[in-house]
Amino acid sequence: MESLFTDYNMLLISIAALFGLLMAFGIGANDVANAMGTSVGSKALTIKQAIIVAMIFEFAGAFLAGGEVTSTIRKGIIDAGSLSETPELLVFGMMASLLAAGIWLIVATYFGWPVSTTHSIVGAIVGFAAVGIGMEVVHWGGVGFIVASWVISPVLAGTLSFILFTSVQKLILDTEEPLVNAKRYVPVYMFLAGFMIALVTLFKGLKHVGLELDNTSNLIIAIAFGGLVTLIGKFFIGRQQVLENADKDFHYASVERVFAVLMVITACGMAFAHGSNDVANAIGPLAAVVNIVESGGEVLAESRLPSWILLLGGIGIVFGLTFFGHRVMATVGSKITELTPSRGFAANLAAASTVVVASGTGLPISTSHTLVGAVLGVGMARGIAALNIGVLKNIAVSWVVTLPAGAVLSMIFFFMLKAIFS
């Protein structure tokens, strides 16, 4: 066993790095496109602008704030201690999981399905562990939580976005003077946006850089940031003028411009938080392989994270988004329901709020499922006819298939790697 890690040291690390890069590419193509899809679909940003924004904030999140000491087994889904006698199985399993999850994400992206990257890697890890090692090493309770998130994520986000957009309709859009009412009520939405994005960043982004603040400090910072966004926003909204004889559509256009700016703010915050959090799906298993190989077969409870692994994850995410992200952006942004900046803003704010609630309560959620649910909620606020049921059916099937697809591919690759290196 030791000779495996001595003889094939660089080969194992190189293959694992390649598979990790593929997984990061898949995350960028599928999950990041989710986060930016509402901005593109509502025409608040062009695809080119969305890619530039996501490249900056996703990479910053992944490289600057993704460096929390990564647990050897993603989400504690299998018992690492039981593999201390056979570390080579853990190495082959993690490599197989990265390859399996990466391939599934690319397949899903090709068809425009917004699936969960976390579910992809967890399904892959469960697959190799249950069949290649034994059912007893899998923490099945954790898998149950993931299945629960298929319902919890979209329902919670959908309910919040439905309430938010209904309030925008009643208070602003469906009134005699939309712009006058926008000047009155949009500052409240601006505060909520600033407050929630600050909390998402503090909970999901900055905890990785050692900035472990207590909940009271997080709330104070978030309230202050929300207040700042409100003041800046109020200044710019106050400058919006509409001529007395302008038609109603021009009033709407002025209001939507205000929401478009808000959407860009929420998109930047979500991209940073997503980069810092979900890059672990690619670099966690890779860090585990690198640490086991470099230590000669010792299975550690936690993995040291060299900066080159973080860089690899950040680069993979950016390339995936740039070359392949437009497919899922199109699904989330325009195929589920028609989005405008006000509708897209409600979806983004609902998704951010759901992430905050989940972080605070330990609810199992998926960011992909959350955003799709939020877009669905906005569509429901306009009536069931505003939704594309066929697209929703395809998305639902892809969510259910993600866990078994990752598991089956992972089993195949696990036995292949085992055969090659033995």
Protein backbone atom coordinates (compact mmCIF):
# COMPACT_ATOMS: atom_id res chain seq x y z
CA MET A 1 0.00 0.00 0.00
CA GLU A 2 2.81 2.41 0.92
CA SER A 3 4.57 1.51 -2.33
CA LEU A 4 1.45 2.68 -4.22
CA PHE A 5 1.80 6.17 -2.74
CA THR A 6 5.59 6.15 -3.19
CA ASP A 7 5.69 4.81 -6.75
CA TYR A 8 2.69 6.72 -8.11
CA ASN A 9 2.86 9.84 -5.91
CA MET A 10 2.85 12.49 -8.68
CA LEU A 11 0.64 10.46 -11.03
CA LEU A 12 -2.15 10.10 -8.43
CA ILE A 13 -2.00 13.81 -7.51
CA SER A 14 -1.96 14.86 -11.19
CA ILE A 15 -4.97 12.69 -12.08
CA ALA A 16 -6.86 13.89 -8.98
CA ALA A 17 -6.05 17.53 -9.89
CA LEU A 18 -7.35 16.96 -13.44
CA PHE A 19 -10.60 15.43 -12.10
CA GLY A 20 -10.90 18.28 -9.55
CA LEU A 21 -10.52 20.81 -12.37
CA LEU A 22 -13.26 19.01 -14.33
CA MET A 23 -15.56 19.16 -11.29
CA ALA A 24 -14.83 22.89 -10.79
CA PHE A 25 -15.57 23.40 -14.51
CA GLY A 26 -18.94 21.67 -13.99
CA ILE A 27 -19.72 23.86 -10.97
CA GLY A 28 -18.95 26.98 -13.01
CA ALA A 29 -21.03 25.82 -15.97
CA ASN A 30 -24.08 24.76 -13.96
CA ASP A 31 -24.28 26.32 -10.52
CA VAL A 32 -22.77 29.73 -11.26
CA ALA A 33 -25.01 30.07 -14.29
CA ASN A 34 -27.90 29.50 -11.84
CA ALA A 35 -26.82 32.46 -9.76
CA MET A 36 -26.52 34.83 -12.73
CA GLY A 37 -29.48 33.50 -14.76
CA THR A 38 -32.07 35.86 -13.26
CA SER A 39 -29.91 38.92 -14.04
CA VAL A 40 -29.52 37.85 -17.68
CA GLY A 41 -33.14 36.72 -18.11
CA SER A 42 -34.48 40.04 -16.80
CA LYS A 43 -32.04 41.92 -19.07
CA ALA A 44 -30.49 43.71 -16.07
CA LEU A 45 -27.17 42.36 -17.41
CA THR A 46 -26.11 41.02 -20.79
CA ILE A 47 -24.55 37.53 -20.88
CA LYS A 48 -21.11 39.10 -21.37
CA GLN A 49 -21.59 41.46 -18.38
CA ALA A 50 -22.92 38.60 -16.21
CA ILE A 51 -19.90 36.45 -17.05
CA ILE A 52 -17.51 39.30 -16.15
CA VAL A 53 -19.33 39.98 -12.83
CA ALA A 54 -19.42 36.26 -11.99
CA MET A 55 -15.76 35.77 -12.96
CA ILE A 56 -14.68 38.53 -10.54
CA PHE A 57 -16.91 37.68 -7.58
CA GLU A 58 -16.96 33.88 -7.92
CA PHE A 59 -13.18 33.76 -8.25
CA ALA A 60 -12.75 36.17 -5.32
CA GLY A 61 -15.09 34.06 -3.19
CA ALA A 62 -13.39 30.79 -4.17
CA PHE A 63 -9.78 31.97 -3.80
CA LEU A 64 -10.01 34.48 -0.94
CA ALA A 65 -12.75 32.93 1.19
CA GLY A 66 -12.89 29.27 0.14
CA GLY A 67 -9.90 28.23 2.22
CA GLU A 68 -11.58 26.91 5.33
CA VAL A 69 -9.88 23.71 6.47
CA THR A 70 -11.82 21.22 4.39
CA SER A 71 -13.13 18.07 6.02
CA THR A 72 -11.79 14.91 4.39
CA ILE A 73 -15.25 13.66 3.51
CA ARG A 74 -17.59 16.21 2.01
CA LYS A 75 -20.54 16.90 4.35
CA GLY A 76 -19.50 14.04 6.68
CA ILE A 77 -21.34 11.65 4.41
CA ILE A 78 -19.09 8.62 5.09
CA ASP A 79 -17.06 7.41 8.07
CA ALA A 80 -13.40 8.15 7.24
CA GLY A 81 -12.14 6.41 10.38
CA SER A 82 -13.22 3.01 9.08
CA LEU A 83 -10.89 3.49 6.07
CA SER A 84 -7.67 4.13 8.01
CA GLU A 85 -6.49 0.57 7.24
CA THR A 86 -7.25 0.89 3.50
CA PRO A 87 -6.44 4.51 2.53
CA GLU A 88 -5.99 3.56 -1.12
CA LEU A 89 -9.75 2.83 -1.33
CA LEU A 90 -10.48 6.36 -0.09
CA VAL A 91 -8.08 7.81 -2.68
CA PHE A 92 -9.64 5.83 -5.56
CA GLY A 93 -13.12 6.67 -4.25
CA MET A 94 -12.52 10.42 -4.05
CA MET A 95 -10.94 10.47 -7.52
CA ALA A 96 -13.87 8.46 -8.93
CA SER A 97 -16.34 10.81 -7.19
CA LEU A 98 -14.76 13.92 -8.72
CA LEU A 99 -14.79 12.41 -12.21
CA ALA A 100 -18.36 11.09 -11.86
CA ALA A 101 -19.80 14.34 -10.47
CA GLY A 102 -17.89 16.44 -13.04
CA ILE A 103 -19.20 14.37 -15.96
CA TRP A 104 -22.80 14.43 -14.65
CA LEU A 105 -22.68 18.24 -14.23
CA ILE A 106 -21.45 18.68 -17.80
CA VAL A 107 -24.21 16.35 -19.12
CA ALA A 108 -26.85 18.25 -17.11
CA THR A 109 -25.48 21.61 -18.32
CA TYR A 110 -25.59 20.43 -21.94
CA PHE A 111 -29.34 19.86 -21.56
CA GLY A 112 -29.76 23.12 -19.62
CA TRP A 113 -30.77 21.42 -16.34
CA PRO A 114 -29.98 23.42 -13.18
CA VAL A 115 -28.91 20.61 -10.80
CA SER A 116 -27.17 20.67 -7.43
CA THR A 117 -23.37 20.36 -7.43
CA THR A 118 -23.46 19.30 -3.77
CA HIS A 119 -25.93 16.49 -4.54
CA SER A 120 -23.75 15.40 -7.47
CA ILE A 121 -20.62 14.95 -5.34
CA VAL A 122 -22.50 13.48 -2.37
CA GLY A 123 -24.26 10.95 -4.64
CA ALA A 124 -20.90 9.99 -6.11
CA ILE A 125 -19.30 9.53 -2.67
CA VAL A 126 -22.26 7.44 -1.46
CA GLY A 127 -22.02 5.29 -4.60
CA PHE A 128 -18.37 4.28 -4.30
CA ALA A 129 -18.58 3.87 -0.51
CA ALA A 130 -21.75 1.73 -0.40
CA VAL A 131 -20.72 -0.67 -3.18
CA GLY A 132 -16.92 -0.52 -3.06
CA ILE A 133 -16.46 -0.59 0.73
CA GLY A 134 -19.71 -1.40 2.55
CA MET A 135 -23.15 0.03 3.31
CA GLU A 136 -22.19 0.56 6.95
CA VAL A 137 -19.64 3.33 6.20
CA VAL A 138 -22.34 5.62 4.77
CA HIS A 139 -24.14 8.04 7.12
CA TRP A 140 -27.61 7.42 5.69
CA GLY A 141 -29.19 10.10 7.87
CA GLY A 142 -27.20 12.70 5.93
CA VAL A 143 -28.51 11.29 2.66
CA GLY A 144 -32.06 11.59 4.03
CA PHE A 145 -31.45 15.29 4.74
CA ILE A 146 -30.38 15.79 1.12
CA VAL A 147 -33.55 14.15 -0.18
CA ALA A 148 -35.55 16.42 2.16
CA SER A 149 -33.85 19.46 0.60
CA TRP A 150 -35.48 18.63 -2.77
CA VAL A 151 -38.73 19.86 -1.20
CA ILE A 152 -37.54 22.31 1.48
CA SER A 153 -35.32 24.48 -0.78
CA PRO A 154 -37.79 25.32 -3.58
CA VAL A 155 -40.87 25.55 -1.32
CA LEU A 156 -39.25 27.99 1.13
CA ALA A 157 -37.68 30.16 -1.58
CA GLY A 158 -40.81 30.00 -3.74
CA THR A 159 -43.03 31.11 -0.86
CA LEU A 160 -40.74 34.05 -0.03
CA SER A 161 -40.44 35.21 -3.67
CA PHE A 162 -44.23 34.93 -4.11
CA ILE A 163 -44.78 37.19 -1.07
CA LEU A 164 -42.05 39.63 -2.15
CA PHE A 165 -43.22 40.06 -5.72
CA THR A 166 -46.89 40.26 -4.70
CA SER A 167 -45.93 43.14 -2.39
CA VAL A 168 -44.03 44.86 -5.25
CA GLN A 169 -47.13 44.51 -7.46
CA LYS A 170 -49.56 45.85 -4.84
CA LEU A 171 -47.40 48.69 -3.51
CA ILE A 172 -45.74 49.88 -6.75
CA LEU A 173 -46.55 48.31 -10.13
CA ASP A 174 -50.37 48.12 -9.95
CA THR A 175 -50.84 51.69 -8.68
CA GLU A 176 -51.73 54.93 -10.45
CA GLU A 177 -48.28 56.44 -9.86
CA PRO A 178 -45.66 53.64 -10.00
CA LEU A 179 -42.61 55.92 -9.83
CA VAL A 180 -43.95 58.01 -6.93
CA ASN A 181 -44.66 54.81 -4.99
CA ALA A 182 -41.28 53.35 -6.02
CA LYS A 183 -39.56 56.35 -4.41
CA ARG A 184 -41.56 55.65 -1.26
CA TYR A 185 -41.20 51.86 -0.99
CA VAL A 186 -38.06 50.81 -2.94
CA PRO A 187 -35.74 52.06 -0.14
CA VAL A 188 -37.35 49.37 2.08
CA TYR A 189 -36.51 46.69 -0.52
CA MET A 190 -33.01 48.18 -0.81
CA PHE A 191 -32.51 47.81 2.93
CA LEU A 192 -33.70 44.20 2.79
CA ALA A 193 -31.36 43.48 -0.16
CA GLY A 194 -28.31 45.05 1.53
CA PHE A 195 -29.14 43.35 4.85
CA MET A 196 -29.60 39.86 3.36
CA ILE A 197 -26.58 40.03 1.03
CA ALA A 198 -24.38 41.14 3.96
CA LEU A 199 -25.67 38.19 6.04
CA VAL A 200 -25.15 35.70 3.20
CA THR A 201 -21.58 36.96 2.73
CA LEU A 202 -20.83 36.84 6.47
CA PHE A 203 -22.40 33.40 6.99
CA LYS A 204 -21.34 31.67 3.78
CA GLY A 205 -18.37 33.70 2.55
CA LEU A 206 -16.24 35.29 5.23
CA LYS A 207 -16.36 32.53 7.85
CA HIS A 208 -13.71 30.77 5.75
CA VAL A 209 -11.10 33.50 6.25
CA GLY A 210 -11.11 33.18 10.02
CA LEU A 211 -13.64 36.02 10.50
CA GLU A 212 -15.75 34.12 13.01
CA LEU A 213 -18.07 36.81 14.37
CA ASP A 214 -20.93 36.13 16.76
CA ASN A 215 -24.52 36.48 15.56
CA THR A 216 -24.99 39.89 17.21
CA SER A 217 -21.94 41.33 15.41
CA ASN A 218 -23.14 39.84 12.10
CA LEU A 219 -26.57 41.45 12.57
CA ILE A 220 -25.08 44.87 13.41
CA ILE A 221 -22.81 44.78 10.32
CA ALA A 222 -25.70 43.63 8.11
CA ILE A 223 -28.03 46.38 9.42
CA ALA A 224 -25.30 48.99 8.83
CA PHE A 225 -24.69 47.73 5.29
CA GLY A 226 -28.44 47.68 4.59
CA GLY A 227 -28.68 51.28 5.81
CA LEU A 228 -25.79 52.33 3.56
CA VAL A 229 -27.36 50.69 0.48
CA THR A 230 -30.67 52.41 1.34
CA LEU A 231 -29.07 55.88 1.58
CA ILE A 232 -27.18 55.50 -1.70
CA GLY A 233 -30.27 54.07 -3.42
CA LYS A 234 -32.54 56.81 -2.10
CA PHE A 235 -30.21 59.44 -3.56
CA PHE A 236 -30.32 57.88 -7.04
CA ILE A 237 -34.07 57.13 -6.99
CA GLY A 238 -34.75 60.74 -6.01
CA ARG A 239 -33.14 61.86 -9.25
CA GLN A 240 -35.52 59.77 -11.39
CA GLN A 241 -38.03 62.13 -13.01
CA VAL A 242 -41.04 61.40 -15.17
CA LEU A 243 -42.78 64.03 -17.27
CA GLU A 244 -46.41 64.72 -16.35
CA ASN A 245 -47.62 63.68 -19.79
CA ALA A 246 -45.46 60.52 -19.97
CA ASP A 247 -47.41 57.31 -20.43
CA LYS A 248 -47.70 54.53 -17.86
CA ASP A 249 -45.14 52.36 -19.65
CA PHE A 250 -42.51 55.02 -19.16
CA HIS A 251 -43.29 55.03 -15.43
CA TYR A 252 -42.80 51.26 -15.44
CA ALA A 253 -39.51 51.57 -17.34
CA SER A 254 -38.19 54.02 -14.73
CA VAL A 255 -39.21 51.68 -11.91
CA GLU A 256 -37.64 48.65 -13.59
CA ARG A 257 -34.34 50.56 -14.01
CA VAL A 258 -34.24 50.97 -10.23
CA PHE A 259 -34.78 47.24 -9.70
CA ALA A 260 -32.14 46.42 -12.32
CA VAL A 261 -29.49 48.17 -10.19
CA LEU A 262 -30.70 46.24 -7.13
CA MET A 263 -30.41 42.99 -9.06
CA VAL A 264 -26.76 43.63 -9.87
CA ILE A 265 -26.03 44.19 -6.14
CA THR A 266 -27.74 40.93 -5.12
CA ALA A 267 -26.05 39.02 -7.99
CA CYS A 268 -22.56 40.16 -6.86
CA GLY A 269 -23.22 39.13 -3.26
CA MET A 270 -24.64 35.74 -4.22
CA ALA A 271 -21.71 35.09 -6.59
CA PHE A 272 -19.13 35.80 -3.86
CA ALA A 273 -20.94 33.65 -1.29
CA HIS A 274 -21.44 30.85 -3.82
CA GLY A 275 -17.77 30.84 -4.87
CA SER A 276 -16.59 30.65 -1.27
CA ASN A 277 -19.01 27.87 -0.34
CA ASP A 278 -19.44 25.57 -3.33
CA VAL A 279 -15.80 25.48 -4.46
CA ALA A 280 -15.43 22.96 -1.59
CA ASN A 281 -17.38 20.45 -3.71
CA ALA A 282 -14.38 20.31 -6.06
CA ILE A 283 -11.44 21.01 -3.76
CA GLY A 284 -12.60 19.02 -0.70
CA PRO A 285 -12.16 15.56 -2.24
CA LEU A 286 -9.01 16.76 -4.09
CA ALA A 287 -7.47 18.02 -0.82
CA ALA A 288 -8.26 14.65 0.79
CA VAL A 289 -6.45 12.76 -2.01
CA VAL A 290 -3.40 15.09 -1.93
CA ASN A 291 -3.07 14.82 1.87
CA ILE A 292 -3.38 11.01 1.94
CA VAL A 293 -0.86 10.55 -0.89
CA GLU A 294 1.66 13.06 0.53
CA SER A 295 1.43 11.57 4.03
CA GLY A 296 2.09 8.05 2.69
CA GLY A 297 -1.40 6.74 3.40
CA GLU A 298 -2.44 8.46 6.64
CA VAL A 299 -6.19 9.31 6.73
CA LEU A 300 -6.49 12.65 8.55
CA ALA A 301 -9.70 13.98 10.10
CA GLU A 302 -9.13 17.29 8.32
CA SER A 303 -7.17 18.14 5.20
CA ARG A 304 -4.55 20.86 4.79
CA LEU A 305 -5.44 23.04 1.84
CA PRO A 306 -2.49 24.21 -0.31
CA SER A 307 -3.14 27.49 -2.17
CA TRP A 308 -2.64 25.81 -5.57
CA ILE A 309 -5.78 23.72 -4.93
CA LEU A 310 -7.83 26.86 -4.21
CA LEU A 311 -6.43 28.50 -7.35
CA LEU A 312 -7.31 25.41 -9.40
CA GLY A 313 -10.89 25.49 -8.07
CA GLY A 314 -11.28 29.20 -8.82
CA ILE A 315 -9.90 28.86 -12.36
CA GLY A 316 -12.11 25.83 -13.10
CA ILE A 317 -15.26 27.68 -11.99
CA VAL A 318 -14.43 30.71 -14.18
CA PHE A 319 -13.70 28.59 -17.27
CA GLY A 320 -16.87 26.52 -16.82
CA LEU A 321 -19.03 29.63 -16.62
CA THR A 322 -17.31 31.32 -19.57
CA PHE A 323 -17.45 28.44 -22.04
CA PHE A 324 -20.61 26.55 -21.05
CA GLY A 325 -22.67 28.60 -18.60
CA HIS A 326 -25.07 30.17 -21.10
CA ARG A 327 -27.19 27.00 -21.36
CA VAL A 328 -28.35 26.91 -17.72
CA MET A 329 -28.57 30.72 -17.66
CA ALA A 330 -31.15 30.48 -20.45
CA THR A 331 -33.23 27.90 -18.52
CA VAL A 332 -33.31 29.81 -15.22
CA GLY A 333 -33.51 33.26 -16.80
CA SER A 334 -36.14 32.83 -19.49
CA LYS A 335 -37.52 29.29 -19.93
CA ILE A 336 -39.27 28.81 -16.54
CA THR A 337 -41.14 32.15 -16.66
CA GLU A 338 -40.64 35.58 -18.20
CA LEU A 339 -38.52 37.78 -15.91
CA THR A 340 -38.27 41.56 -15.55
CA PRO A 341 -35.83 43.30 -13.16
CA SER A 342 -38.52 43.60 -10.44
CA ARG A 343 -39.39 39.89 -10.74
CA GLY A 344 -35.72 38.88 -10.90
CA PHE A 345 -34.97 41.02 -7.86
CA ALA A 346 -37.74 39.31 -5.87
CA ALA A 347 -36.32 35.89 -6.86
CA ASN A 348 -32.73 36.84 -5.94
CA LEU A 349 -33.73 38.37 -2.59
CA ALA A 350 -35.89 35.32 -1.76
CA ALA A 351 -32.99 32.97 -2.61
CA ALA A 352 -30.56 34.99 -0.44
CA SER A 353 -33.09 35.05 2.43
CA THR A 354 -33.55 31.27 2.18
CA VAL A 355 -29.78 30.74 2.37
CA VAL A 356 -29.65 32.93 5.51
CA VAL A 357 -32.55 31.07 7.16
CA ALA A 358 -30.97 27.70 6.30
CA SER A 359 -27.55 28.75 7.63
CA GLY A 360 -29.09 29.89 10.90
CA THR A 361 -31.33 26.86 11.46
CA GLY A 362 -29.33 24.02 9.88
CA LEU A 363 -32.01 23.31 7.25
CA PRO A 364 -30.66 21.22 4.37
CA ILE A 365 -30.86 23.30 1.18
CA SER A 366 -29.37 23.42 -2.29
CA THR A 367 -28.58 26.83 -3.81
CA SER A 368 -29.66 25.56 -7.25
CA HIS A 369 -33.01 24.28 -6.00
CA THR A 370 -33.46 27.48 -3.97
CA LEU A 371 -33.08 29.77 -6.97
CA VAL A 372 -35.32 27.65 -9.22
CA GLY A 373 -37.96 27.66 -6.46
CA ALA A 374 -37.66 31.45 -6.14
CA VAL A 375 -38.16 31.94 -9.91
CA LEU A 376 -41.13 29.55 -9.72
CA GLY A 377 -42.65 31.63 -6.89
CA VAL A 378 -42.40 34.82 -8.95
CA GLY A 379 -44.13 33.07 -11.84
CA MET A 380 -46.89 31.79 -9.54
CA ALA A 381 -47.55 35.38 -8.40
CA ARG A 382 -48.64 36.07 -12.01
CA GLY A 383 -50.73 32.89 -12.29
CA ILE A 384 -50.02 29.28 -13.28
CA ALA A 385 -50.26 30.18 -17.00
CA ALA A 386 -47.05 32.24 -16.63
CA LEU A 387 -45.05 29.04 -15.95
CA ASN A 388 -43.55 26.63 -18.48
CA ILE A 389 -44.71 23.32 -16.97
CA GLY A 390 -42.71 21.19 -19.46
CA VAL A 391 -39.42 22.83 -18.43
CA LEU A 392 -40.31 22.41 -14.73
CA LYS A 393 -40.98 18.68 -15.23
CA ASN A 394 -37.55 18.23 -16.85
CA ILE A 395 -35.87 20.11 -13.99
CA ALA A 396 -37.68 18.01 -11.35
CA VAL A 397 -36.61 14.76 -13.05
CA SER A 398 -32.99 15.97 -13.28
CA TRP A 399 -32.99 16.71 -9.52
CA VAL A 400 -34.18 13.19 -8.67
CA VAL A 401 -31.73 11.58 -11.13
CA THR A 402 -28.68 13.53 -9.85
CA LEU A 403 -27.96 11.35 -6.77
CA PRO A 404 -28.25 7.95 -8.51
CA ALA A 405 -26.45 9.22 -11.65
CA GLY A 406 -23.46 10.38 -9.57
CA ALA A 407 -23.55 7.11 -7.60
CA VAL A 408 -23.59 4.78 -10.64
CA LEU A 409 -20.83 6.64 -12.49
CA SER A 410 -18.73 6.74 -9.33
CA MET A 411 -19.02 2.97 -8.80
CA ILE A 412 -17.84 2.30 -12.37
CA PHE A 413 -14.85 4.68 -12.12
CA PHE A 414 -13.94 3.37 -8.64
CA PHE A 415 -13.56 -0.22 -9.85
CA MET A 416 -11.70 0.95 -12.96
CA LEU A 417 -9.15 2.92 -10.90
CA LYS A 418 -8.84 0.04 -8.45
CA ALA A 419 -8.10 -2.36 -11.33
CA ILE A 420 -5.60 0.00 -13.03
CA PHE A 421 -3.50 0.67 -9.91
CA SER A 422 -3.57 -2.85 -8.49
